[in-house]
Amino acid sequence: MDQLPESITRQLLGSLVRELYPDELWRALGVVVQSLVTEVNGADSQLGMRVSAELAELSVKPLR
């Protein structure tokens, strides 16, 4: 991560896991997925529109 531009690392700081509890892991995953969606949209907006919803579902904590 040290060699990435600050604009990238700043948005990924929230992905650092603070505690090994399920809610915290889901929170961190949500940050990573949102960053991925942002990158995909920046690279190919058509692809971003097609996959954003599916990617966002990856970080939704399942109901028990």
Protein backbone atom coordinates (compact mmCIF):
# COMPACT_ATOMS: atom_id res chain seq x y z
CA MET A 1 0.00 0.00 0.00
CA ASP A 2 2.97 2.32 0.55
CA GLN A 3 3.54 2.88 -3.15
CA LEU A 4 -0.06 3.69 -4.04
CA PRO A 5 -1.05 7.33 -4.53
CA GLU A 6 -2.51 9.07 -1.47
CA SER A 7 -5.85 9.44 -3.26
CA ILE A 8 -6.13 5.65 -3.26
CA THR A 9 -4.72 4.91 0.18
CA ARG A 10 -6.90 7.58 1.81
CA GLN A 11 -10.09 5.87 0.65
CA LEU A 12 -8.77 2.48 1.78
CA LEU A 13 -7.79 3.51 5.32
CA GLY A 14 -11.24 2.50 6.52
CA SER A 15 -10.63 -1.02 5.26
CA LEU A 16 -8.09 -1.69 7.99
CA VAL A 17 -9.60 -4.14 10.44
CA ARG A 18 -9.52 -2.87 14.02
CA GLU A 19 -10.94 -5.94 15.78
CA LEU A 20 -11.68 -9.51 14.74
CA TYR A 21 -15.42 -9.34 15.29
CA PRO A 22 -17.95 -10.11 12.55
CA ASP A 23 -19.45 -6.60 12.44
CA GLU A 24 -16.00 -5.05 12.10
CA LEU A 25 -15.01 -7.48 9.36
CA TRP A 26 -18.22 -6.71 7.44
CA ARG A 27 -17.58 -2.98 7.84
CA ALA A 28 -14.04 -3.28 6.47
CA LEU A 29 -15.24 -5.44 3.59
CA GLY A 30 -17.83 -2.78 2.75
CA VAL A 31 -15.08 -0.17 2.42
CA VAL A 32 -13.07 -2.42 0.11
CA VAL A 33 -16.08 -3.24 -2.06
CA GLN A 34 -17.05 0.44 -2.32
CA SER A 35 -13.50 1.27 -3.40
CA LEU A 36 -13.64 -1.48 -6.00
CA VAL A 37 -16.95 -0.14 -7.33
CA THR A 38 -15.42 3.35 -7.57
CA GLU A 39 -12.42 2.02 -9.49
CA VAL A 40 -14.56 -0.04 -11.87
CA ASN A 41 -16.81 2.94 -12.56
CA GLY A 42 -13.76 5.11 -13.24
CA ALA A 43 -12.27 2.59 -15.66
CA ASP A 44 -15.46 1.59 -17.48
CA SER A 45 -18.74 3.25 -16.57
CA GLN A 46 -20.81 0.76 -18.58
CA LEU A 47 -19.25 -2.16 -16.75
CA GLY A 48 -19.66 -0.28 -13.48
CA MET A 49 -23.38 0.09 -14.07
CA ARG A 50 -23.68 -3.63 -14.76
CA VAL A 51 -21.73 -4.92 -11.77
CA SER A 52 -22.13 -2.30 -9.02
CA ALA A 53 -25.23 -3.86 -7.46
CA GLU A 54 -23.75 -7.35 -7.47
CA LEU A 55 -20.49 -6.12 -5.95
CA ALA A 56 -22.35 -4.16 -3.27
CA GLU A 57 -24.24 -7.33 -2.30
CA LEU A 58 -20.91 -8.96 -1.42
CA SER A 59 -20.54 -6.72 1.60
CA VAL A 60 -24.08 -7.02 2.96
CA LYS A 61 -24.05 -8.88 6.23
CA PRO A 62 -26.36 -11.89 5.93
CA LEU A 63 -29.35 -12.07 8.22
CA ARG A 64 -29.37 -14.96 10.64
